[in-house]
Protein backbone atom coordinates (compact mmCIF):
# COMPACT_ATOMS: atom_id res chain seq x y z
CA MET A 1 24.65 -69.50 -27.22
CA GLU A 2 23.95 -66.11 -28.73
CA GLN A 3 20.43 -65.72 -30.07
CA PRO A 4 19.90 -64.95 -33.76
CA GLN A 5 18.96 -61.33 -34.22
CA GLN A 6 16.10 -59.88 -36.23
CA GLN A 7 17.39 -58.49 -39.50
CA PRO A 8 16.71 -54.78 -40.02
CA SER A 9 14.67 -53.67 -43.00
CA VAL A 10 16.44 -51.87 -45.83
CA ASP A 11 14.53 -48.61 -45.40
CA GLY A 12 13.28 -48.74 -41.82
CA THR A 13 9.84 -50.17 -42.60
CA ARG A 14 9.93 -52.98 -40.05
CA LEU A 15 6.89 -53.04 -37.77
CA ALA A 16 6.62 -54.04 -34.13
CA ALA A 17 5.72 -57.66 -33.40
CA GLN A 18 2.27 -56.73 -32.13
CA ASP A 19 1.58 -54.77 -35.31
CA TYR A 20 2.29 -57.87 -37.39
CA LEU A 21 0.07 -60.01 -35.18
CA THR A 22 -2.74 -57.45 -35.37
CA ALA A 23 -2.39 -57.33 -39.15
CA PHE A 24 -2.40 -61.13 -39.34
CA ASP A 25 -5.63 -61.30 -37.36
CA ALA A 26 -7.38 -58.63 -39.43
CA GLU A 27 -6.21 -59.93 -42.80
CA LEU A 28 -7.19 -63.50 -41.93
CA GLU A 29 -10.72 -62.45 -41.00
CA ALA A 30 -11.01 -60.43 -44.19
CA LEU A 31 -9.69 -63.36 -46.23
CA LEU A 32 -12.28 -65.72 -44.76
CA ALA A 33 -15.05 -63.13 -45.18
CA ALA A 34 -14.14 -62.75 -48.86
CA ALA A 35 -14.48 -66.48 -49.53
CA THR A 36 -18.13 -66.21 -50.55
CA ASP A 37 -17.73 -68.17 -53.79
CA LEU A 38 -15.22 -71.00 -53.52
CA GLY A 39 -15.51 -71.68 -57.24
CA ALA A 40 -14.59 -68.16 -58.37
CA ASP A 41 -11.39 -67.78 -60.41
CA VAL A 42 -8.52 -65.91 -58.75
CA PRO A 43 -7.10 -63.32 -61.19
CA GLY A 44 -3.68 -63.13 -59.53
CA CYS A 45 -3.23 -66.92 -59.41
CA PRO A 46 -4.11 -68.29 -62.86
CA GLY A 47 -5.74 -71.70 -62.72
CA TRP A 48 -6.79 -71.35 -59.09
CA THR A 49 -10.27 -71.01 -57.66
CA VAL A 50 -10.90 -69.42 -54.27
CA ARG A 51 -10.98 -72.94 -52.79
CA ASP A 52 -7.53 -73.58 -54.27
CA LEU A 53 -6.33 -70.28 -52.81
CA LEU A 54 -7.57 -71.20 -49.33
CA SER A 55 -6.00 -74.64 -49.72
CA HIS A 56 -2.68 -72.95 -50.51
CA VAL A 57 -2.88 -70.70 -47.43
CA LEU A 58 -3.86 -73.72 -45.33
CA GLY A 59 -0.77 -75.52 -46.60
CA VAL A 60 1.44 -72.55 -45.76
CA TYR A 61 0.08 -72.46 -42.21
CA ARG A 62 0.37 -76.23 -41.76
CA HIS A 63 3.97 -76.16 -42.96
CA LYS A 64 4.89 -73.37 -40.54
CA ASN A 65 3.20 -75.12 -37.64
CA ALA A 66 5.14 -78.30 -38.48
CA ALA A 67 8.37 -76.29 -38.52
CA PHE A 68 7.58 -74.77 -35.13
CA ALA A 69 6.76 -78.21 -33.72
CA ALA A 70 9.98 -79.74 -35.05
CA GLY A 71 12.21 -76.75 -34.33
CA ALA A 72 13.62 -77.32 -37.81
CA ALA A 73 12.59 -77.62 -41.43
CA PRO A 74 9.77 -80.15 -41.82
CA GLU A 75 11.13 -83.52 -42.92
CA ASN A 76 9.02 -83.81 -46.06
CA PRO A 77 9.25 -80.57 -48.04
CA GLU A 78 7.31 -82.10 -50.94
CA ALA A 79 4.28 -83.05 -48.84
CA GLY A 80 0.91 -81.81 -50.01
CA TRP A 81 0.50 -79.48 -47.06
CA GLY A 82 -2.72 -78.00 -48.32
CA ALA A 83 -4.29 -81.23 -49.57
CA LEU A 84 -8.06 -81.48 -49.13
CA ALA A 85 -10.63 -84.21 -49.35
CA ASP A 86 -13.62 -83.45 -51.57
CA ASP A 87 -15.94 -82.91 -48.59
CA ASP A 88 -13.51 -80.89 -46.44
CA ASP A 89 -14.68 -77.51 -45.17
CA VAL A 90 -11.62 -75.50 -46.16
CA VAL A 91 -12.81 -72.36 -44.36
CA ALA A 92 -13.14 -74.23 -41.05
CA LEU A 93 -9.82 -76.02 -41.53
CA LEU A 94 -8.06 -72.76 -42.31
CA ARG A 95 -9.52 -71.03 -39.28
CA ASP A 96 -8.43 -73.90 -37.00
CA GLU A 97 -4.92 -74.06 -38.44
CA ALA A 98 -4.57 -70.27 -38.18
CA ALA A 99 -5.41 -70.46 -34.48
CA VAL A 100 -2.49 -72.85 -33.94
CA LEU A 101 -0.19 -70.61 -35.99
CA ARG A 102 -1.29 -67.54 -34.07
CA THR A 103 -0.22 -69.21 -30.83
CA ASN A 104 3.15 -70.14 -32.35
CA LEU A 105 3.69 -66.56 -33.49
CA ASP A 106 2.78 -65.01 -30.15
CA ARG A 107 6.34 -65.02 -28.80
CA ASP A 108 9.24 -62.64 -28.46
CA PRO A 109 10.36 -61.94 -32.05
CA ALA A 110 13.98 -62.71 -31.12
CA THR A 111 13.06 -66.30 -30.18
CA PRO A 112 15.11 -68.67 -32.37
CA ALA A 113 13.08 -70.48 -35.05
CA TRP A 114 13.93 -72.21 -38.30
CA SER A 115 13.20 -70.31 -41.50
CA TRP A 116 14.21 -70.69 -45.13
CA TRP A 117 15.86 -67.22 -45.02
CA ALA A 118 19.31 -67.93 -43.62
CA PRO A 119 20.06 -64.45 -42.20
CA GLU A 120 16.97 -64.48 -39.98
CA GLN A 121 16.22 -67.62 -37.98
CA THR A 122 13.68 -66.10 -35.61
CA VAL A 123 10.00 -65.99 -34.77
CA GLY A 124 10.15 -62.35 -35.89
CA PHE A 125 10.78 -63.50 -39.45
CA TRP A 126 7.55 -65.51 -39.39
CA GLN A 127 5.54 -62.76 -37.72
CA ARG A 128 6.44 -60.53 -40.64
CA ARG A 129 6.12 -63.19 -43.34
CA MET A 130 2.76 -64.55 -42.23
CA ALA A 131 1.21 -61.07 -41.97
CA GLN A 132 2.45 -60.31 -45.49
CA GLU A 133 1.41 -63.68 -46.90
CA THR A 134 -2.08 -63.35 -45.52
CA ALA A 135 -2.50 -59.76 -46.70
CA VAL A 136 -1.64 -60.48 -50.34
CA HIS A 137 -3.85 -63.56 -50.43
CA ARG A 138 -6.69 -61.63 -48.81
CA TRP A 139 -6.45 -59.22 -51.73
CA ASP A 140 -6.48 -62.24 -54.07
CA ALA A 141 -9.69 -63.53 -52.50
CA GLU A 142 -11.39 -60.14 -52.64
CA SER A 143 -10.33 -59.61 -56.24
CA ALA A 144 -11.86 -62.99 -57.10
CA THR A 145 -15.23 -62.43 -55.45
CA ARG A 146 -15.58 -58.63 -55.73
CA GLY A 147 -13.37 -57.74 -58.67
CA ALA A 148 -9.89 -56.23 -58.53
CA ASP A 149 -11.20 -52.67 -58.52
CA ASP A 150 -13.23 -53.33 -55.37
CA ALA A 151 -10.61 -55.27 -53.42
CA ASP A 152 -9.41 -53.28 -50.41
CA PRO A 153 -5.82 -52.01 -50.57
CA ILE A 154 -3.23 -53.29 -48.13
CA ALA A 155 -2.57 -50.79 -45.33
CA ASP A 156 0.26 -48.37 -46.16
CA ASP A 157 2.59 -49.35 -43.33
CA LEU A 158 2.20 -53.07 -44.00
CA ALA A 159 2.53 -52.61 -47.77
CA ASP A 160 5.66 -50.45 -47.42
CA ASP A 161 7.16 -53.20 -45.32
CA GLY A 162 6.05 -55.82 -47.83
CA VAL A 163 7.95 -54.02 -50.58
CA ASP A 164 10.99 -53.89 -48.30
CA GLU A 165 10.71 -57.60 -47.49
CA LEU A 166 10.36 -58.66 -51.12
CA LEU A 167 13.22 -56.51 -52.39
CA GLY A 168 15.37 -57.83 -49.55
CA TRP A 169 14.89 -61.36 -50.88
CA LEU A 170 16.57 -60.33 -54.12
CA THR A 171 19.88 -60.24 -52.23
CA TRP A 172 19.81 -64.05 -52.24
CA ASP A 173 22.84 -65.79 -53.80
CA TRP A 174 22.09 -65.98 -57.53
CA SER A 175 25.34 -67.75 -58.46
CA ASP A 176 23.46 -70.74 -59.89
CA TYR A 177 21.01 -68.52 -61.79
CA PRO A 178 23.08 -65.89 -63.67
CA GLN A 179 21.12 -63.14 -65.36
CA ALA A 180 22.48 -62.55 -68.83
CA GLY A 181 23.14 -58.90 -69.59
CA ALA A 182 22.84 -57.67 -66.03
CA ASP A 183 25.64 -55.16 -65.66
CA GLY A 184 24.90 -53.15 -62.53
CA ARG A 185 21.98 -51.08 -63.81
CA ARG A 186 20.00 -49.56 -60.98
CA VAL A 187 16.27 -49.14 -60.47
CA LEU A 188 14.81 -46.70 -57.95
CA VAL A 189 11.71 -48.29 -56.38
CA SER A 190 9.58 -45.83 -54.44
CA THR A 191 6.30 -45.58 -52.54
CA GLY A 192 6.89 -41.89 -51.87
CA VAL A 193 7.62 -42.21 -48.16
CA HIS A 194 10.05 -45.10 -48.63
CA SER A 195 12.45 -45.86 -51.47
CA TRP A 196 15.04 -48.44 -52.44
CA THR A 197 17.75 -48.74 -55.08
CA VAL A 198 18.09 -52.17 -56.70
CA ALA A 199 21.37 -52.82 -58.53
CA LEU A 200 21.20 -55.79 -60.88
CA HIS A 201 24.35 -57.80 -61.53
CA GLU A 202 24.79 -61.07 -63.40
CA ARG A 203 25.12 -63.18 -60.24
CA ALA A 204 23.98 -60.85 -57.48
CA VAL A 205 21.47 -58.16 -56.62
CA GLU A 206 22.23 -55.30 -54.25
CA VAL A 207 19.45 -53.41 -52.48
CA GLY A 208 20.03 -50.18 -50.60
CA PRO A 209 18.40 -46.86 -49.76
CA GLY A 210 16.84 -44.89 -52.59
CA ALA A 211 19.17 -42.86 -54.81
CA ASP A 212 18.07 -40.21 -57.30
CA ASP A 213 20.70 -41.12 -59.90
CA ALA A 214 19.31 -44.57 -60.72
CA ASP A 215 18.89 -45.68 -64.33
CA ALA A 216 15.15 -46.34 -64.05
CA LEU A 217 12.17 -45.63 -61.81
CA LEU A 218 9.30 -47.79 -60.57
CA ALA A 219 6.91 -45.94 -58.25
CA GLY A 220 3.41 -46.08 -56.83
CA GLU A 221 1.28 -46.02 -53.71
CA PRO A 222 2.37 -48.70 -51.20
CA SER A 223 -0.40 -51.23 -51.80
CA GLY A 224 -0.37 -50.84 -55.57
CA LEU A 225 3.40 -51.13 -55.76
CA LEU A 226 3.48 -54.22 -53.55
CA LEU A 227 0.80 -55.95 -55.64
CA HIS A 228 2.63 -54.99 -58.83
CA LEU A 229 5.90 -56.46 -57.52
CA TRP A 230 4.05 -59.67 -56.64
CA GLY A 231 2.79 -59.85 -60.22
CA ARG A 232 -0.87 -59.22 -59.45
CA PRO A 233 -2.87 -58.13 -62.51
CA GLY A 234 -4.02 -54.55 -62.93
CA GLU A 235 -2.47 -51.15 -63.38
CA HIS A 236 -2.20 -50.43 -59.63
CA GLY A 237 -1.33 -46.80 -60.35
CA ILE A 238 2.29 -47.62 -61.17
CA ALA A 239 4.59 -45.08 -62.82
CA SER A 240 7.75 -46.25 -64.52
CA GLY A 241 10.42 -44.69 -66.67
CA GLY A 242 14.06 -44.65 -67.66
CA ASP A 243 16.10 -47.63 -68.79
CA VAL A 244 13.69 -50.23 -70.16
CA GLU A 245 16.25 -53.03 -69.87
CA ALA A 246 16.84 -52.28 -66.19
CA LEU A 247 13.09 -52.53 -65.56
CA ARG A 248 12.94 -55.80 -67.50
CA GLN A 249 15.81 -57.26 -65.52
CA LEU A 250 14.14 -56.30 -62.24
CA ALA A 251 10.86 -57.89 -63.35
CA GLU A 252 12.72 -61.05 -64.30
CA ARG A 253 14.46 -61.31 -60.93
CA LEU A 254 11.20 -60.64 -59.08
CA ALA A 255 9.47 -63.39 -61.04
CA MET A 256 12.21 -65.80 -60.02
CA ALA A 257 12.06 -64.75 -56.37
CA THR A 258 8.28 -65.10 -56.14
CA ASP A 259 7.85 -68.28 -58.18
């Protein structure tokens, strides 16, 4: 049987497997180090404390480990994967679960593995996704305990790839969620080194290389742009212009994709 192949990134941002694993390790340690006040509110996740944030990441890791163990989607998608008892040490639990996940990720990226993204059923998908997941939530933890202005940015190469990953998700089938008024308007999304054109249609979104004749522009440094696309609070140094409706439609689709 032919192995599933790793999907290319839209604008060539994809990193090597070892780069994702190295980023995962570093971002995890920084996330745990930032968890100095488990009761602090997380600005980017309204209603969550840092303990809730760590519980969420723990649940993500547990779910992925269950998927690796089963070789398929876990049987109970509604399970409380991050559930904690009142006296649980969430930092210790997260560290232990991450060690299991790290072992599961330390494989050839072309190795077949279930994922919720149909075009890419490989370990490589999860190497990328878990590095990105951990990086954004590390920023969340630092913004909660240090303040958003003092949270460290996500490294340029990882953030560029995170923008690419997130915009790629917009090419999902939106047939059941039509976007009223979307008529093919295009937004140029750019980090300077990398750029993408997002064309918004009523029942589909197309994402391709950057084009200068787009209807609107959304641009910024890699980390700031990635955090903006993920709906994290703050200015993040973002510049925007052009068709206001195109920008609104993009924001609406991103909110749906990241909900």
